Every structure is written in structure tokens, then in C-alpha cells.
């Protein structure tokens, strides 16, 4: 998913409006619910994201979806604005940017963890505590499995990467042996 500068601007606008209303977390939930609905429904995605459907049709569909989701007036107006600006096609990037802004406002960082095998609950908790100590903030883990790591895990929090994979350790050992 490419994050465009336009998507960042629209996400920031929505974020600042939600912040002014004191509803950052609530709007985040609405944004994520709508994102899941669009992702799960090819028909809805086709109507909303393909330019072949008229603006009036998109607006009507968004109104019905907004009612079904119990979306706030703020989000409904924002979506209508996106339709007018022909930026609804950037919804996925706007959603991702908004979630990132909401996380930062809540003092929460996401850690992308790639593990060679599934982590037990105890391993997840231990890893989360370690990353929270390293970052000094709250961390939410997003775990993926990659058997190519052989063993261990790689965690990325923001721009920092903590690599405890067996694959990297073997590569470093090989380079060390090659140097003599």
C-alpha cells in the first residue's frame, strides 16, 4: 500500500478534527470498521473505489454504510468530502495514516515482529515487556511467521530493528570466520 502525501494530509485533517472533538479513539474505531468492511466486500470496494460509479451513487452508498456502522457525523462528512475530492481511492492509505497518528497520540507504538515459529503467550508477553523497556513506551505486537529465519525473531519498532534471528547470527558468524 503506497502512502501518498495526499493521504497523509487527509488523515491529518481528520485527526485534527477528531482531536478537537476529543474523539480520536472513537473515530479510529469507526475508520478501522469501515476499512474492514471495504476490505471484506468486493462489491462495496467496486462501488466506492472505481470511478465508473457516479458521485451521487457513491455518496448514497457511503451514507447507508455510515448508518449501518453507526458512524459519527464527523466521519460521514469527511467521507463525503473525500468523494467530492476524488480521494476515496486513497482510503487504505488514509486509514493507515490515521491509525498511526491515533497510536502516537495514545503513546502506543506498533512493533512488527517476524518470528521463525509461532510465539507462545509467555514469549509474546516477555518480548512486549522487553520492547517497552527499550522504547520507553507502550508497544503493541504484530507478529508474522517466517520459517526462513530458521530460529529467533526480528522486531521493528519505528525505525529501529532488533534482530535476534538465527539466520542473522549465522551470517555474522560466517562473515567473522571469513575474516579470519
C-alpha atoms as a PDB file:
ATOM      1  CA  UNK A   1       0.000   0.000   0.000  1.00  0.00           C
ATOM      2  CA  UNK A   2       1.573   3.252  -1.104  1.00  0.00           C
ATOM      3  CA  UNK A   3       1.122   6.103   1.308  1.00  0.00           C
ATOM      4  CA  UNK A   4       0.811   9.301  -0.628  1.00  0.00           C
ATOM      5  CA  UNK A   5       1.390  12.791   0.673  1.00  0.00           C
ATOM      6  CA  UNK A   6      -2.277  13.475  -0.112  1.00  0.00           C
ATOM      7  CA  UNK A   7      -3.336  10.542   2.082  1.00  0.00           C
ATOM      8  CA  UNK A   8      -1.179  11.936   4.896  1.00  0.00           C
ATOM      9  CA  UNK A   9      -2.778  15.369   4.553  1.00  0.00           C
ATOM     10  CA  UNK A  10      -6.312  13.965   4.618  1.00  0.00           C
ATOM     11  CA  UNK A  11      -5.527  11.683   7.569  1.00  0.00           C
ATOM     12  CA  UNK A  12      -4.025  14.611   9.471  1.00  0.00           C
ATOM     13  CA  UNK A  13      -7.092  16.728   8.743  1.00  0.00           C
ATOM     14  CA  UNK A  14      -9.383  14.012  10.082  1.00  0.00           C
ATOM     15  CA  UNK A  15      -7.090  13.508  13.072  1.00  0.00           C
ATOM     16  CA  UNK A  16      -7.095  17.203  13.994  1.00  0.00           C
ATOM     17  CA  UNK A  17     -10.880  17.394  13.667  1.00  0.00           C
ATOM     18  CA  UNK A  18     -11.263  14.303  15.869  1.00  0.00           C
ATOM     19  CA  UNK A  19      -8.766  15.720  18.375  1.00  0.00           C
ATOM     20  CA  UNK A  20     -10.674  18.994  18.546  1.00  0.00           C
ATOM     21  CA  UNK A  21     -13.833  16.985  19.320  1.00  0.00           C
ATOM     22  CA  UNK A  22     -11.956  14.826  21.849  1.00  0.00           C
ATOM     23  CA  UNK A  23     -12.865  11.721  19.834  1.00  0.00           C
ATOM     24  CA  UNK A  24      -9.568  10.386  18.464  1.00  0.00           C
ATOM     25  CA  UNK A  25     -10.104   6.817  19.706  1.00  0.00           C
ATOM     26  CA  UNK A  26     -13.769   6.680  18.674  1.00  0.00           C
ATOM     27  CA  UNK A  27     -13.019   7.932  15.170  1.00  0.00           C
ATOM     28  CA  UNK A  28     -10.172   5.429  14.932  1.00  0.00           C
ATOM     29  CA  UNK A  29     -12.616   2.597  15.660  1.00  0.00           C
ATOM     30  CA  UNK A  30     -15.004   3.936  13.012  1.00  0.00           C
ATOM     31  CA  UNK A  31     -12.211   4.280  10.458  1.00  0.00           C
ATOM     32  CA  UNK A  32     -10.997   0.726  11.127  1.00  0.00           C
ATOM     33  CA  UNK A  33     -14.536  -0.709  10.947  1.00  0.00           C
ATOM     34  CA  UNK A  34     -15.087   0.977   7.600  1.00  0.00           C
ATOM     35  CA  UNK A  35     -11.691  -0.222   6.379  1.00  0.00           C
ATOM     36  CA  UNK A  36     -12.522  -3.823   7.326  1.00  0.00           C
ATOM     37  CA  UNK A  37     -15.901  -3.561   5.617  1.00  0.00           C
ATOM     38  CA  UNK A  38     -14.336  -2.241   2.403  1.00  0.00           C
ATOM     39  CA  UNK A  39     -11.612  -4.897   2.503  1.00  0.00           C
ATOM     40  CA  UNK A  40     -14.122  -7.721   3.039  1.00  0.00           C
ATOM     41  CA  UNK A  41     -16.647  -6.648   0.400  1.00  0.00           C
ATOM     42  CA  UNK A  42     -15.503  -6.647  -3.231  1.00  0.00           C
ATOM     43  CA  UNK A  43     -18.877  -5.188  -4.265  1.00  0.00           C
ATOM     44  CA  UNK A  44     -18.565  -2.267  -1.860  1.00  0.00           C
ATOM     45  CA  UNK A  45     -14.945  -1.713  -2.880  1.00  0.00           C
ATOM     46  CA  UNK A  46     -16.007  -1.656  -6.544  1.00  0.00           C
ATOM     47  CA  UNK A  47     -18.762   0.911  -5.976  1.00  0.00           C
ATOM     48  CA  UNK A  48     -16.680   3.191  -3.767  1.00  0.00           C
ATOM     49  CA  UNK A  49     -13.256   3.000  -5.356  1.00  0.00           C
ATOM     50  CA  UNK A  50     -13.912   2.716  -9.100  1.00  0.00           C
ATOM     51  CA  UNK A  51     -14.543   5.995 -10.891  1.00  0.00           C
ATOM     52  CA  UNK A  52     -17.172   4.482 -13.162  1.00  0.00           C
ATOM     53  CA  UNK A  53     -19.831   4.954 -10.447  1.00  0.00           C
ATOM     54  CA  UNK A  54     -21.361   8.468 -10.237  1.00  0.00           C
ATOM     55  CA  UNK A  55     -20.658  10.680  -7.232  1.00  0.00           C
ATOM     56  CA  UNK A  56     -24.323  10.625  -6.174  1.00  0.00           C
ATOM     57  CA  UNK A  57     -24.277   6.818  -6.103  1.00  0.00           C
ATOM     58  CA  UNK A  58     -21.076   6.736  -4.049  1.00  0.00           C
ATOM     59  CA  UNK A  59     -22.442   9.303  -1.627  1.00  0.00           C
ATOM     60  CA  UNK A  60     -25.678   7.302  -1.196  1.00  0.00           C
ATOM     61  CA  UNK A  61     -23.775   4.063  -0.607  1.00  0.00           C
ATOM     62  CA  UNK A  62     -21.465   5.765   1.907  1.00  0.00           C
ATOM     63  CA  UNK A  63     -24.482   7.232   3.685  1.00  0.00           C
ATOM     64  CA  UNK A  64     -26.052   3.781   4.023  1.00  0.00           C
ATOM     65  CA  UNK A  65     -22.767   2.228   5.126  1.00  0.00           C
ATOM     66  CA  UNK A  66     -22.212   5.040   7.616  1.00  0.00           C
ATOM     67  CA  UNK A  67     -25.653   4.465   9.121  1.00  0.00           C
ATOM     68  CA  UNK A  68     -25.044   0.714   9.303  1.00  0.00           C
ATOM     69  CA  UNK A  69     -21.722   1.262  11.077  1.00  0.00           C
ATOM     70  CA  UNK A  70     -23.124   3.925  13.374  1.00  0.00           C
ATOM     71  CA  UNK A  71     -20.508   6.359  12.075  1.00  0.00           C
ATOM     72  CA  UNK A  72     -20.267   9.796  13.602  1.00  0.00           C
ATOM     73  CA  UNK A  73     -21.314  12.904  11.761  1.00  0.00           C
ATOM     74  CA  UNK A  74     -17.636  13.846  11.569  1.00  0.00           C
ATOM     75  CA  UNK A  75     -16.691  10.694   9.669  1.00  0.00           C
ATOM     76  CA  UNK A  76     -19.737  10.913   7.403  1.00  0.00           C
ATOM     77  CA  UNK A  77     -18.833  14.480   6.426  1.00  0.00           C
ATOM     78  CA  UNK A  78     -15.211  13.510   5.949  1.00  0.00           C
ATOM     79  CA  UNK A  79     -16.169  10.632   3.644  1.00  0.00           C
ATOM     80  CA  UNK A  80     -18.455  12.916   1.651  1.00  0.00           C
ATOM     81  CA  UNK A  81     -15.561  15.349   1.295  1.00  0.00           C
ATOM     82  CA  UNK A  82     -13.293  12.516   0.076  1.00  0.00           C
ATOM     83  CA  UNK A  83     -15.886  11.631  -2.571  1.00  0.00           C
ATOM     84  CA  UNK A  84     -16.031  15.274  -3.721  1.00  0.00           C
ATOM     85  CA  UNK A  85     -12.231  15.462  -3.889  1.00  0.00           C
ATOM     86  CA  UNK A  86     -11.982  12.088  -5.670  1.00  0.00           C
ATOM     87  CA  UNK A  87      -9.722  10.798  -2.896  1.00  0.00           C
ATOM     88  CA  UNK A  88     -11.755   7.854  -1.690  1.00  0.00           C
ATOM     89  CA  UNK A  89      -9.357   5.721  -3.754  1.00  0.00           C
ATOM     90  CA  UNK A  90      -6.722   6.590  -1.125  1.00  0.00           C
ATOM     91  CA  UNK A  91      -8.870   5.204   1.708  1.00  0.00           C
ATOM     92  CA  UNK A  92      -6.473   2.393   2.669  1.00  0.00           C
ATOM     93  CA  UNK A  93      -3.540   4.797   2.986  1.00  0.00           C
ATOM     94  CA  UNK A  94      -5.663   7.396   4.794  1.00  0.00           C
ATOM     95  CA  UNK A  95      -6.803   4.730   7.256  1.00  0.00           C
ATOM     96  CA  UNK A  96      -3.223   3.574   7.891  1.00  0.00           C
ATOM     97  CA  UNK A  97      -2.022   7.142   8.443  1.00  0.00           C
ATOM     98  CA  UNK A  98      -4.906   7.958  10.786  1.00  0.00           C
ATOM     99  CA  UNK A  99      -4.279   4.828  12.856  1.00  0.00           C
ATOM    100  CA  UNK A 100      -0.604   5.755  13.127  1.00  0.00           C
ATOM    101  CA  UNK A 101      -1.485   9.287  14.295  1.00  0.00           C
ATOM    102  CA  UNK A 102      -4.010   7.949  16.817  1.00  0.00           C
ATOM    103  CA  UNK A 103      -1.448   5.461  18.163  1.00  0.00           C
ATOM    104  CA  UNK A 104       1.138   8.203  18.587  1.00  0.00           C
ATOM    105  CA  UNK A 105      -1.392  10.397  20.404  1.00  0.00           C
ATOM    106  CA  UNK A 106      -2.146   7.488  22.754  1.00  0.00           C
ATOM    107  CA  UNK A 107       1.568   6.840  23.367  1.00  0.00           C
ATOM    108  CA  UNK A 108       1.378   3.470  21.623  1.00  0.00           C
ATOM    109  CA  UNK A 109       3.939   2.125  19.190  1.00  0.00           C
ATOM    110  CA  UNK A 110       3.449  -0.851  16.928  1.00  0.00           C
ATOM    111  CA  UNK A 111       6.169  -3.449  16.764  1.00  0.00           C
ATOM    112  CA  UNK A 112       6.324  -5.653  13.683  1.00  0.00           C
ATOM    113  CA  UNK A 113       7.720  -8.953  14.855  1.00  0.00           C
ATOM    114  CA  UNK A 114       8.768 -11.668  12.442  1.00  0.00           C
ATOM    115  CA  UNK A 115       9.318 -14.999  14.134  1.00  0.00           C
ATOM    116  CA  UNK A 116      10.536 -18.342  12.813  1.00  0.00           C
ATOM    117  CA  UNK A 117       7.764 -20.131  14.732  1.00  0.00           C
ATOM    118  CA  UNK A 118       4.533 -19.067  16.449  1.00  0.00           C
ATOM    119  CA  UNK A 119       5.146 -17.347  19.796  1.00  0.00           C
ATOM    120  CA  UNK A 120       3.556 -18.625  22.980  1.00  0.00           C
ATOM    121  CA  UNK A 121       1.645 -16.177  25.161  1.00  0.00           C
ATOM    122  CA  UNK A 122       4.561 -16.117  27.611  1.00  0.00           C
ATOM    123  CA  UNK A 123       7.044 -15.364  24.806  1.00  0.00           C
ATOM    124  CA  UNK A 124       4.806 -12.609  23.455  1.00  0.00           C
ATOM    125  CA  UNK A 125       4.500 -11.034  26.915  1.00  0.00           C
ATOM    126  CA  UNK A 126       8.263 -11.241  27.521  1.00  0.00           C
ATOM    127  CA  UNK A 127       9.019  -9.728  24.100  1.00  0.00           C
ATOM    128  CA  UNK A 128       6.469  -6.976  24.621  1.00  0.00           C
ATOM    129  CA  UNK A 129       7.968  -6.067  28.027  1.00  0.00           C
ATOM    130  CA  UNK A 130      11.483  -6.007  26.555  1.00  0.00           C
ATOM    131  CA  UNK A 131      10.446  -3.755  23.680  1.00  0.00           C
ATOM    132  CA  UNK A 132       8.545  -1.444  26.041  1.00  0.00           C
ATOM    133  CA  UNK A 133      11.704  -1.103  28.150  1.00  0.00           C
ATOM    134  CA  UNK A 134      13.777  -0.356  25.026  1.00  0.00           C
ATOM    135  CA  UNK A 135      11.331   2.225  23.671  1.00  0.00           C
ATOM    136  CA  UNK A 136      10.144   3.707  26.943  1.00  0.00           C
ATOM    137  CA  UNK A 137       6.517   3.494  25.835  1.00  0.00           C
ATOM    138  CA  UNK A 138       3.648   1.101  25.292  1.00  0.00           C
ATOM    139  CA  UNK A 139       4.105  -1.382  22.465  1.00  0.00           C
ATOM    140  CA  UNK A 140       1.572  -3.456  20.546  1.00  0.00           C
ATOM    141  CA  UNK A 141       2.939  -6.534  18.780  1.00  0.00           C
ATOM    142  CA  UNK A 142       2.018  -7.521  15.235  1.00  0.00           C
ATOM    143  CA  UNK A 143       3.513 -10.985  14.749  1.00  0.00           C
ATOM    144  CA  UNK A 144       4.203 -12.687  11.426  1.00  0.00           C
ATOM    145  CA  UNK A 145       5.724 -16.114  10.901  1.00  0.00           C
ATOM    146  CA  UNK A 146       8.676 -16.607   8.520  1.00  0.00           C
ATOM    147  CA  UNK A 147      10.236 -20.078   8.622  1.00  0.00           C
ATOM    148  CA  UNK A 148      13.192 -18.731   6.591  1.00  0.00           C
ATOM    149  CA  UNK A 149      14.518 -17.141   9.795  1.00  0.00           C
ATOM    150  CA  UNK A 150      15.408 -20.671  10.995  1.00  0.00           C
ATOM    151  CA  UNK A 151      15.057 -19.563  14.624  1.00  0.00           C
ATOM    152  CA  UNK A 152      14.645 -16.451  16.753  1.00  0.00           C
ATOM    153  CA  UNK A 153      12.809 -13.270  15.798  1.00  0.00           C
ATOM    154  CA  UNK A 154      13.211  -9.818  14.280  1.00  0.00           C
ATOM    155  CA  UNK A 155      11.331  -6.860  15.781  1.00  0.00           C
ATOM    156  CA  UNK A 156      10.899  -3.462  14.166  1.00  0.00           C
ATOM    157  CA  UNK A 157       9.619  -0.542  16.209  1.00  0.00           C
ATOM    158  CA  UNK A 158       9.547   2.643  14.188  1.00  0.00           C
ATOM    159  CA  UNK A 159      12.942   2.919  12.523  1.00  0.00           C
ATOM    160  CA  UNK A 160      14.720   0.619  14.981  1.00  0.00           C
ATOM    161  CA  UNK A 161      15.250  -3.039  14.127  1.00  0.00           C
ATOM    162  CA  UNK A 162      16.140  -5.592  16.789  1.00  0.00           C
ATOM    163  CA  UNK A 163      17.405  -8.697  15.020  1.00  0.00           C
ATOM    164  CA  UNK A 164      17.670 -11.819  17.136  1.00  0.00           C
ATOM    165  CA  UNK A 165      17.220 -14.260  14.282  1.00  0.00           C
ATOM    166  CA  UNK A 166      19.354 -17.337  13.919  1.00  0.00           C
ATOM    167  CA  UNK A 167      19.741 -16.550  10.218  1.00  0.00           C
ATOM    168  CA  UNK A 168      21.448 -13.225  11.018  1.00  0.00           C
ATOM    169  CA  UNK A 169      23.595 -14.788  13.738  1.00  0.00           C
ATOM    170  CA  UNK A 170      24.762 -17.473  11.279  1.00  0.00           C
ATOM    171  CA  UNK A 171      25.503 -14.810   8.644  1.00  0.00           C
ATOM    172  CA  UNK A 172      27.553 -12.832  11.178  1.00  0.00           C
ATOM    173  CA  UNK A 173      29.433 -15.976  12.252  1.00  0.00           C
ATOM    174  CA  UNK A 174      30.177 -16.813   8.603  1.00  0.00           C
ATOM    175  CA  UNK A 175      31.496 -13.264   7.992  1.00  0.00           C
ATOM    176  CA  UNK A 176      33.609 -13.451  11.140  1.00  0.00           C
ATOM    177  CA  UNK A 177      35.104 -16.792  10.111  1.00  0.00           C
ATOM    178  CA  UNK A 178      35.806 -15.488   6.613  1.00  0.00           C
ATOM    179  CA  UNK A 179      37.745 -12.527   8.049  1.00  0.00           C
ATOM    180  CA  UNK A 180      39.959 -14.953   9.935  1.00  0.00           C
END
